[in-house]
All heavy atoms as atom14 arrays in JSON, in Angstrom:
{
  "sequence": "LRIAQNQLAYTELQAPDDGIVTATGADPGQVVAAGQMVIEISR",
  "atom14_mask": [
    [1, 1, 1, 1, 1, 1, 1, 1, 0, 0, 0, 0, 0, 0],
    [1, 1, 1, 1, 1, 1, 1, 1, 1, 1, 1, 0, 0, 0],
    [1, 1, 1, 1, 1, 1, 1, 1, 0, 0, 0, 0, 0, 0],
    [1, 1, 1, 1, 1, 0, 0, 0, 0, 0, 0, 0, 0, 0],
    [1, 1, 1, 1, 1, 1, 1, 1, 1, 0, 0, 0, 0, 0],
    [1, 1, 1, 1, 1, 1, 1, 1, 0, 0, 0, 0, 0, 0],
    [1, 1, 1, 1, 1, 1, 1, 1, 1, 0, 0, 0, 0, 0],
    [1, 1, 1, 1, 1, 1, 1, 1, 0, 0, 0, 0, 0, 0],
    [1, 1, 1, 1, 1, 0, 0, 0, 0, 0, 0, 0, 0, 0],
    [1, 1, 1, 1, 1, 1, 1, 1, 1, 1, 1, 1, 0, 0],
    [1, 1, 1, 1, 1, 1, 1, 0, 0, 0, 0, 0, 0, 0],
    [1, 1, 1, 1, 1, 1, 1, 1, 1, 0, 0, 0, 0, 0],
    [1, 1, 1, 1, 1, 1, 1, 1, 0, 0, 0, 0, 0, 0],
    [1, 1, 1, 1, 1, 1, 1, 1, 1, 0, 0, 0, 0, 0],
    [1, 1, 1, 1, 1, 0, 0, 0, 0, 0, 0, 0, 0, 0],
    [1, 1, 1, 1, 1, 1, 1, 0, 0, 0, 0, 0, 0, 0],
    [1, 1, 1, 1, 1, 1, 1, 1, 0, 0, 0, 0, 0, 0],
    [1, 1, 1, 1, 1, 1, 1, 1, 0, 0, 0, 0, 0, 0],
    [1, 1, 1, 1, 0, 0, 0, 0, 0, 0, 0, 0, 0, 0],
    [1, 1, 1, 1, 1, 1, 1, 1, 0, 0, 0, 0, 0, 0],
    [1, 1, 1, 1, 1, 1, 1, 0, 0, 0, 0, 0, 0, 0],
    [1, 1, 1, 1, 1, 1, 1, 0, 0, 0, 0, 0, 0, 0],
    [1, 1, 1, 1, 1, 0, 0, 0, 0, 0, 0, 0, 0, 0],
    [1, 1, 1, 1, 1, 1, 1, 0, 0, 0, 0, 0, 0, 0],
    [1, 1, 1, 1, 0, 0, 0, 0, 0, 0, 0, 0, 0, 0],
    [1, 1, 1, 1, 1, 0, 0, 0, 0, 0, 0, 0, 0, 0],
    [1, 1, 1, 1, 1, 1, 1, 1, 0, 0, 0, 0, 0, 0],
    [1, 1, 1, 1, 1, 1, 1, 0, 0, 0, 0, 0, 0, 0],
    [1, 1, 1, 1, 0, 0, 0, 0, 0, 0, 0, 0, 0, 0],
    [1, 1, 1, 1, 1, 1, 1, 1, 1, 0, 0, 0, 0, 0],
    [1, 1, 1, 1, 1, 1, 1, 0, 0, 0, 0, 0, 0, 0],
    [1, 1, 1, 1, 1, 1, 1, 0, 0, 0, 0, 0, 0, 0],
    [1, 1, 1, 1, 1, 0, 0, 0, 0, 0, 0, 0, 0, 0],
    [1, 1, 1, 1, 1, 0, 0, 0, 0, 0, 0, 0, 0, 0],
    [1, 1, 1, 1, 0, 0, 0, 0, 0, 0, 0, 0, 0, 0],
    [1, 1, 1, 1, 1, 1, 1, 1, 1, 0, 0, 0, 0, 0],
    [1, 1, 1, 1, 1, 1, 1, 1, 0, 0, 0, 0, 0, 0],
    [1, 1, 1, 1, 1, 1, 1, 0, 0, 0, 0, 0, 0, 0],
    [1, 1, 1, 1, 1, 1, 1, 1, 0, 0, 0, 0, 0, 0],
    [1, 1, 1, 1, 1, 1, 1, 1, 1, 0, 0, 0, 0, 0],
    [1, 1, 1, 1, 1, 1, 1, 1, 0, 0, 0, 0, 0, 0],
    [1, 1, 1, 1, 1, 1, 0, 0, 0, 0, 0, 0, 0, 0],
    [1, 1, 1, 1, 1, 1, 1, 1, 1, 1, 1, 0, 0, 0]
  ],
  "atom14_positions": [
    [[117.56, 93.71, -122.66], [117.01, 93.81, -121.3], [118.1, 93.52, -120.26], [118.17, 94.21, -119.24], [115.85, 92.83, -121.15], [115.19, 92.8, -119.76], [114.64, 94.19, -119.4], [114.09, 91.75, -119.69], [0.0, 0.0, 0.0], [0.0, 0.0, 0.0], [0.0, 0.0, 0.0], [0.0, 0.0, 0.0], [0.0, 0.0, 0.0], [0.0, 0.0, 0.0]],
    [[118.94, 92.52, -120.54], [120.03, 92.24, -119.6], [120.99, 93.42, -119.51], [121.47, 93.77, -118.42], [120.78, 90.98, -120.03], [119.99, 89.69, -119.82], [120.87, 88.47, -119.97], [121.39, 88.33, -121.33], [120.78, 87.66, -122.3], [119.59, 87.07, -122.06], [121.32, 87.56, -123.5], [0.0, 0.0, 0.0], [0.0, 0.0, 0.0], [0.0, 0.0, 0.0]],
    [[121.28, 94.07, -120.66], [122.15, 95.25, -120.64], [121.53, 96.36, -119.82], [122.2, 97.01, -119.0], [122.43, 95.72, -122.08], [123.28, 94.68, -122.82], [123.13, 97.07, -122.08], [123.49, 94.98, -124.29], [0.0, 0.0, 0.0], [0.0, 0.0, 0.0], [0.0, 0.0, 0.0], [0.0, 0.0, 0.0], [0.0, 0.0, 0.0], [0.0, 0.0, 0.0]],
    [[120.23, 96.59, -120.02], [119.55, 97.65, -119.28], [119.53, 97.35, -117.78], [119.7, 98.25, -116.95], [118.12, 97.81, -119.81], [0.0, 0.0, 0.0], [0.0, 0.0, 0.0], [0.0, 0.0, 0.0], [0.0, 0.0, 0.0], [0.0, 0.0, 0.0], [0.0, 0.0, 0.0], [0.0, 0.0, 0.0], [0.0, 0.0, 0.0], [0.0, 0.0, 0.0]],
    [[119.33, 96.08, -117.44], [119.34, 95.71, -116.02], [120.73, 95.88, -115.4], [120.87, 96.32, -114.25], [118.86, 94.26, -115.87], [117.38, 94.08, -116.18], [116.96, 92.63, -116.24], [117.8, 91.73, -116.46], [115.68, 92.34, -116.06], [0.0, 0.0, 0.0], [0.0, 0.0, 0.0], [0.0, 0.0, 0.0], [0.0, 0.0, 0.0], [0.0, 0.0, 0.0]],
    [[121.78, 95.53, -116.19], [123.15, 95.73, -115.7], [123.45, 97.2, -115.5], [124.06, 97.6, -114.5], [124.15, 95.12, -116.68], [124.14, 93.6, -116.67], [123.69, 92.99, -115.7], [124.61, 92.99, -117.74], [0.0, 0.0, 0.0], [0.0, 0.0, 0.0], [0.0, 0.0, 0.0], [0.0, 0.0, 0.0], [0.0, 0.0, 0.0], [0.0, 0.0, 0.0]],
    [[123.02, 98.03, -116.46], [123.26, 99.46, -116.32], [122.53, 100.03, -115.11], [123.05, 100.93, -114.44], [122.82, 100.18, -117.6], [123.72, 99.9, -118.79], [123.25, 100.6, -120.05], [122.07, 100.93, -120.19], [124.17, 100.79, -121.0], [0.0, 0.0, 0.0], [0.0, 0.0, 0.0], [0.0, 0.0, 0.0], [0.0, 0.0, 0.0], [0.0, 0.0, 0.0]],
    [[121.36, 99.5, -114.84], [120.64, 99.93, -113.64], [121.42, 99.54, -112.39], [121.52, 100.32, -111.43], [119.25, 99.3, -113.62], [118.39, 99.6, -112.38], [118.14, 101.11, -112.26], [117.07, 98.84, -112.44], [0.0, 0.0, 0.0], [0.0, 0.0, 0.0], [0.0, 0.0, 0.0], [0.0, 0.0, 0.0], [0.0, 0.0, 0.0], [0.0, 0.0, 0.0]],
    [[122.0, 98.33, -112.39], [122.79, 97.9, -111.24], [124.07, 98.72, -111.11], [124.57, 98.94, -110.0], [123.13, 96.42, -111.37], [0.0, 0.0, 0.0], [0.0, 0.0, 0.0], [0.0, 0.0, 0.0], [0.0, 0.0, 0.0], [0.0, 0.0, 0.0], [0.0, 0.0, 0.0], [0.0, 0.0, 0.0], [0.0, 0.0, 0.0], [0.0, 0.0, 0.0]],
    [[124.61, 99.2, -112.25], [125.85, 99.98, -112.21], [125.66, 101.35, -111.57], [126.65, 102.03, -111.27], [126.4, 100.17, -113.62], [126.86, 98.89, -114.28], [126.89, 98.79, -115.68], [127.26, 97.79, -113.55], [127.31, 97.62, -116.31], [127.67, 96.62, -114.16], [127.69, 96.55, -115.55], [128.1, 95.38, -116.16], [0.0, 0.0, 0.0], [0.0, 0.0, 0.0]],
    [[124.43, 101.78, -111.36], [124.21, 103.08, -110.71], [124.53, 103.03, -109.22], [124.53, 104.07, -108.57], [122.75, 103.53, -110.9], [121.86, 102.56, -110.32], [122.42, 103.7, -112.38], [0.0, 0.0, 0.0], [0.0, 0.0, 0.0], [0.0, 0.0, 0.0], [0.0, 0.0, 0.0], [0.0, 0.0, 0.0], [0.0, 0.0, 0.0], [0.0, 0.0, 0.0]],
    [[124.82, 101.85, -108.7], [125.27, 101.72, -107.31], [126.72, 101.25, -107.31], [127.04, 100.21, -107.86], [124.4, 100.73, -106.54], [124.77, 100.63, -105.07], [123.83, 99.74, -104.29], [122.67, 100.15, -104.08], [124.27, 98.63, -103.88], [0.0, 0.0, 0.0], [0.0, 0.0, 0.0], [0.0, 0.0, 0.0], [0.0, 0.0, 0.0], [0.0, 0.0, 0.0]],
    [[127.59, 102.05, -106.71], [129.02, 101.75, -106.69], [129.36, 100.96, -105.44], [129.04, 101.38, -104.32], [129.83, 103.05, -106.73], [131.35, 102.92, -106.91], [131.68, 102.28, -108.25], [132.01, 104.29, -106.81], [0.0, 0.0, 0.0], [0.0, 0.0, 0.0], [0.0, 0.0, 0.0], [0.0, 0.0, 0.0], [0.0, 0.0, 0.0], [0.0, 0.0, 0.0]],
    [[130.03, 99.81, -105.63], [130.38, 98.94, -104.52], [131.9, 98.77, -104.44], [132.6, 98.88, -105.45], [129.71, 97.58, -104.68], [128.19, 97.63, -104.65], [127.57, 96.27, -104.81], [128.23, 95.31, -105.21], [126.27, 96.16, -104.51], [0.0, 0.0, 0.0], [0.0, 0.0, 0.0], [0.0, 0.0, 0.0], [0.0, 0.0, 0.0], [0.0, 0.0, 0.0]],
    [[132.39, 98.51, -103.22], [133.82, 98.33, -102.99], [134.29, 97.02, -103.6], [133.71, 95.97, -103.32], [134.13, 98.36, -101.51], [0.0, 0.0, 0.0], [0.0, 0.0, 0.0], [0.0, 0.0, 0.0], [0.0, 0.0, 0.0], [0.0, 0.0, 0.0], [0.0, 0.0, 0.0], [0.0, 0.0, 0.0], [0.0, 0.0, 0.0], [0.0, 0.0, 0.0]],
    [[135.34, 97.04, -104.44], [135.83, 95.8, -105.04], [136.63, 94.94, -104.08], [136.75, 93.73, -104.27], [136.7, 96.3, -106.19], [137.19, 97.63, -105.73], [136.07, 98.22, -104.92], [0.0, 0.0, 0.0], [0.0, 0.0, 0.0], [0.0, 0.0, 0.0], [0.0, 0.0, 0.0], [0.0, 0.0, 0.0], [0.0, 0.0, 0.0], [0.0, 0.0, 0.0]],
    [[137.22, 95.55, -103.03], [138.04, 94.82, -102.06], [137.94, 95.5, -100.7], [137.47, 96.64, -100.59], [139.51, 94.78, -102.5], [139.73, 93.99, -103.77], [139.56, 92.77, -103.74], [140.07, 94.61, -104.8], [0.0, 0.0, 0.0], [0.0, 0.0, 0.0], [0.0, 0.0, 0.0], [0.0, 0.0, 0.0], [0.0, 0.0, 0.0], [0.0, 0.0, 0.0]],
    [[138.42, 94.81, -99.69], [138.58, 95.44, -98.37], [139.71, 96.46, -98.47], [140.71, 96.24, -99.15], [138.93, 94.41, -97.31], [137.82, 93.38, -97.12], [136.71, 93.62, -97.63], [138.07, 92.36, -96.45], [0.0, 0.0, 0.0], [0.0, 0.0, 0.0], [0.0, 0.0, 0.0], [0.0, 0.0, 0.0], [0.0, 0.0, 0.0], [0.0, 0.0, 0.0]],
    [[139.55, 97.58, -97.78], [140.62, 98.57, -97.81], [140.24, 99.84, -97.1], [139.28, 99.89, -96.33], [0.0, 0.0, 0.0], [0.0, 0.0, 0.0], [0.0, 0.0, 0.0], [0.0, 0.0, 0.0], [0.0, 0.0, 0.0], [0.0, 0.0, 0.0], [0.0, 0.0, 0.0], [0.0, 0.0, 0.0], [0.0, 0.0, 0.0], [0.0, 0.0, 0.0]],
    [[141.03, 100.88, -97.38], [140.84, 102.2, -96.77], [140.66, 103.22, -97.89], [141.39, 103.21, -98.88], [142.04, 102.58, -95.9], [142.18, 101.59, -94.73], [141.91, 104.0, -95.36], [143.4, 101.83, -93.87], [0.0, 0.0, 0.0], [0.0, 0.0, 0.0], [0.0, 0.0, 0.0], [0.0, 0.0, 0.0], [0.0, 0.0, 0.0], [0.0, 0.0, 0.0]],
    [[139.68, 104.1, -97.73], [139.45, 105.17, -98.7], [140.55, 106.22, -98.53], [140.69, 106.82, -97.46], [138.06, 105.81, -98.5], [137.86, 106.97, -99.48], [136.97, 104.77, -98.69], [0.0, 0.0, 0.0], [0.0, 0.0, 0.0], [0.0, 0.0, 0.0], [0.0, 0.0, 0.0], [0.0, 0.0, 0.0], [0.0, 0.0, 0.0], [0.0, 0.0, 0.0]],
    [[141.35, 106.41, -99.57], [142.46, 107.36, -99.5], [142.2, 108.64, -100.28], [142.95, 109.6, -100.14], [143.75, 106.71, -100.02], [143.5, 106.09, -101.29], [144.25, 105.65, -99.06], [0.0, 0.0, 0.0], [0.0, 0.0, 0.0], [0.0, 0.0, 0.0], [0.0, 0.0, 0.0], [0.0, 0.0, 0.0], [0.0, 0.0, 0.0], [0.0, 0.0, 0.0]],
    [[141.14, 108.67, -101.09], [140.81, 109.89, -101.83], [139.4, 109.78, -102.38], [138.86, 108.67, -102.57], [141.8, 110.12, -102.97], [0.0, 0.0, 0.0], [0.0, 0.0, 0.0], [0.0, 0.0, 0.0], [0.0, 0.0, 0.0], [0.0, 0.0, 0.0], [0.0, 0.0, 0.0], [0.0, 0.0, 0.0], [0.0, 0.0, 0.0], [0.0, 0.0, 0.0]],
    [[138.78, 110.94, -102.62], [137.47, 111.0, -103.28], [137.59, 111.93, -104.47], [138.36, 112.89, -104.45], [136.38, 111.5, -102.32], [136.73, 112.8, -101.84], [136.21, 110.55, -101.14], [0.0, 0.0, 0.0], [0.0, 0.0, 0.0], [0.0, 0.0, 0.0], [0.0, 0.0, 0.0], [0.0, 0.0, 0.0], [0.0, 0.0, 0.0], [0.0, 0.0, 0.0]],
    [[136.79, 111.63, -105.52], [136.91, 112.42, -106.75], [135.65, 113.11, -107.19], [135.66, 113.81, -108.21], [0.0, 0.0, 0.0], [0.0, 0.0, 0.0], [0.0, 0.0, 0.0], [0.0, 0.0, 0.0], [0.0, 0.0, 0.0], [0.0, 0.0, 0.0], [0.0, 0.0, 0.0], [0.0, 0.0, 0.0], [0.0, 0.0, 0.0], [0.0, 0.0, 0.0]],
    [[134.55, 112.96, -106.45], [133.29, 113.61, -106.84], [132.41, 113.76, -105.61], [132.49, 112.97, -104.67], [132.58, 112.8, -107.91], [0.0, 0.0, 0.0], [0.0, 0.0, 0.0], [0.0, 0.0, 0.0], [0.0, 0.0, 0.0], [0.0, 0.0, 0.0], [0.0, 0.0, 0.0], [0.0, 0.0, 0.0], [0.0, 0.0, 0.0], [0.0, 0.0, 0.0]],
    [[131.56, 114.79, -105.65], [130.63, 115.06, -104.56], [129.19, 114.93, -105.06], [128.93, 115.05, -106.27], [130.86, 116.47, -104.0], [132.23, 116.61, -103.36], [132.64, 115.67, -102.66], [132.87, 117.66, -103.56], [0.0, 0.0, 0.0], [0.0, 0.0, 0.0], [0.0, 0.0, 0.0], [0.0, 0.0, 0.0], [0.0, 0.0, 0.0], [0.0, 0.0, 0.0]],
    [[128.24, 114.68, -104.16], [126.83, 114.58, -104.57], [126.38, 115.82, -105.33], [126.74, 116.95, -104.99], [126.1, 114.43, -103.23], [127.1, 113.78, -102.33], [128.42, 114.37, -102.73], [0.0, 0.0, 0.0], [0.0, 0.0, 0.0], [0.0, 0.0, 0.0], [0.0, 0.0, 0.0], [0.0, 0.0, 0.0], [0.0, 0.0, 0.0], [0.0, 0.0, 0.0]],
    [[125.59, 115.59, -106.37], [125.12, 116.67, -107.22], [125.95, 116.84, -108.48], [125.52, 117.46, -109.44], [0.0, 0.0, 0.0], [0.0, 0.0, 0.0], [0.0, 0.0, 0.0], [0.0, 0.0, 0.0], [0.0, 0.0, 0.0], [0.0, 0.0, 0.0], [0.0, 0.0, 0.0], [0.0, 0.0, 0.0], [0.0, 0.0, 0.0], [0.0, 0.0, 0.0]],
    [[127.15, 116.28, -108.48], [128.05, 116.4, -109.63], [127.7, 115.34, -110.67], [127.37, 114.21, -110.35], [129.49, 116.24, -109.17], [130.53, 116.39, -110.26], [131.94, 116.29, -109.69], [132.14, 116.43, -108.48], [132.9, 116.06, -110.56], [0.0, 0.0, 0.0], [0.0, 0.0, 0.0], [0.0, 0.0, 0.0], [0.0, 0.0, 0.0], [0.0, 0.0, 0.0]],
    [[127.75, 115.73, -111.96], [127.54, 114.79, -113.05], [128.89, 114.16, -113.38], [129.86, 114.87, -113.67], [126.96, 115.48, -114.29], [126.85, 114.49, -115.45], [125.59, 116.06, -113.97], [0.0, 0.0, 0.0], [0.0, 0.0, 0.0], [0.0, 0.0, 0.0], [0.0, 0.0, 0.0], [0.0, 0.0, 0.0], [0.0, 0.0, 0.0], [0.0, 0.0, 0.0]],
    [[128.96, 112.83, -113.31], [130.21, 112.12, -113.54], [130.09, 111.29, -114.81], [128.99, 110.84, -115.19], [130.57, 111.21, -112.35], [130.79, 112.04, -111.09], [129.49, 110.17, -112.11], [0.0, 0.0, 0.0], [0.0, 0.0, 0.0], [0.0, 0.0, 0.0], [0.0, 0.0, 0.0], [0.0, 0.0, 0.0], [0.0, 0.0, 0.0], [0.0, 0.0, 0.0]],
    [[131.24, 111.08, -115.46], [131.28, 110.27, -116.67], [131.61, 108.83, -116.3], [132.13, 108.55, -115.22], [132.32, 110.82, -117.64], [0.0, 0.0, 0.0], [0.0, 0.0, 0.0], [0.0, 0.0, 0.0], [0.0, 0.0, 0.0], [0.0, 0.0, 0.0], [0.0, 0.0, 0.0], [0.0, 0.0, 0.0], [0.0, 0.0, 0.0], [0.0, 0.0, 0.0]],
    [[131.31, 107.94, -117.22], [131.65, 106.53, -116.99], [133.16, 106.38, -116.86], [133.92, 106.89, -117.68], [131.13, 105.68, -118.14], [0.0, 0.0, 0.0], [0.0, 0.0, 0.0], [0.0, 0.0, 0.0], [0.0, 0.0, 0.0], [0.0, 0.0, 0.0], [0.0, 0.0, 0.0], [0.0, 0.0, 0.0], [0.0, 0.0, 0.0], [0.0, 0.0, 0.0]],
    [[133.59, 105.68, -115.82], [135.02, 105.46, -115.59], [135.7, 106.55, -114.78], [136.86, 106.37, -114.38], [0.0, 0.0, 0.0], [0.0, 0.0, 0.0], [0.0, 0.0, 0.0], [0.0, 0.0, 0.0], [0.0, 0.0, 0.0], [0.0, 0.0, 0.0], [0.0, 0.0, 0.0], [0.0, 0.0, 0.0], [0.0, 0.0, 0.0], [0.0, 0.0, 0.0]],
    [[135.04, 107.68, -114.52], [135.67, 108.74, -113.74], [135.86, 108.29, -112.29], [134.99, 107.67, -111.69], [134.79, 109.99, -113.78], [135.31, 111.16, -112.96], [134.39, 112.36, -113.03], [133.6, 112.49, -113.98], [134.48, 113.23, -112.05], [0.0, 0.0, 0.0], [0.0, 0.0, 0.0], [0.0, 0.0, 0.0], [0.0, 0.0, 0.0], [0.0, 0.0, 0.0]],
    [[137.05, 108.61, -111.72], [137.34, 108.2, -110.35], [136.42, 108.93, -109.37], [136.35, 110.15, -109.35], [138.8, 108.5, -110.0], [139.25, 107.87, -108.67], [138.89, 108.86, -107.2], [140.17, 110.1, -107.31], [0.0, 0.0, 0.0], [0.0, 0.0, 0.0], [0.0, 0.0, 0.0], [0.0, 0.0, 0.0], [0.0, 0.0, 0.0], [0.0, 0.0, 0.0]],
    [[135.71, 108.13, -108.57], [134.85, 108.69, -107.54], [135.42, 108.38, -106.15], [135.43, 109.23, -105.27], [133.42, 108.13, -107.67], [132.52, 108.66, -106.56], [132.83, 108.48, -109.03], [0.0, 0.0, 0.0], [0.0, 0.0, 0.0], [0.0, 0.0, 0.0], [0.0, 0.0, 0.0], [0.0, 0.0, 0.0], [0.0, 0.0, 0.0], [0.0, 0.0, 0.0]],
    [[135.92, 107.16, -105.97], [136.5, 106.73, -104.7], [137.82, 106.03, -104.99], [137.9, 105.21, -105.9], [135.57, 105.76, -103.95], [134.19, 106.39, -103.72], [136.2, 105.34, -102.62], [134.17, 107.51, -102.73], [0.0, 0.0, 0.0], [0.0, 0.0, 0.0], [0.0, 0.0, 0.0], [0.0, 0.0, 0.0], [0.0, 0.0, 0.0], [0.0, 0.0, 0.0]],
    [[138.87, 106.35, -104.23], [140.14, 105.64, -104.32], [140.3, 104.78, -103.08], [140.23, 105.27, -101.95], [141.32, 106.61, -104.44], [142.66, 105.92, -104.6], [143.81, 106.9, -104.65], [144.24, 107.36, -103.57], [144.27, 107.23, -105.76], [0.0, 0.0, 0.0], [0.0, 0.0, 0.0], [0.0, 0.0, 0.0], [0.0, 0.0, 0.0], [0.0, 0.0, 0.0]],
    [[140.52, 103.48, -103.31], [140.63, 102.52, -102.2], [142.02, 101.89, -102.22], [142.46, 101.38, -103.25], [139.55, 101.43, -102.31], [138.16, 102.06, -102.22], [139.72, 100.39, -101.21], [137.04, 101.06, -102.38], [0.0, 0.0, 0.0], [0.0, 0.0, 0.0], [0.0, 0.0, 0.0], [0.0, 0.0, 0.0], [0.0, 0.0, 0.0], [0.0, 0.0, 0.0]],
    [[142.69, 101.94, -101.09], [144.0, 101.3, -100.93], [143.83, 100.07, -100.05], [143.33, 100.17, -98.92], [145.0, 102.26, -100.3], [145.23, 103.39, -101.12], [0.0, 0.0, 0.0], [0.0, 0.0, 0.0], [0.0, 0.0, 0.0], [0.0, 0.0, 0.0], [0.0, 0.0, 0.0], [0.0, 0.0, 0.0], [0.0, 0.0, 0.0], [0.0, 0.0, 0.0]],
    [[144.25, 98.94, -100.58], [144.18, 97.72, -99.78], [145.17, 97.8, -98.63], [146.32, 98.23, -98.8], [144.47, 96.5, -100.64], [143.32, 96.17, -101.59], [143.64, 95.03, -102.51], [144.1, 93.84, -101.8], [144.38, 92.68, -102.39], [144.25, 92.56, -103.71], [144.78, 91.65, -101.69], [0.0, 0.0, 0.0], [0.0, 0.0, 0.0], [0.0, 0.0, 0.0]]
  ]
}
């Protein structure tokens, strides 16, 4: 149950640090794999 709850929380991507978005790797509607770059953030 804890794993399932964590996976549910993982469906929302949050910024790990303050920074500036320097690149994007996926658009809405696209199927992405686990670990695939979606947002690139430069501190």
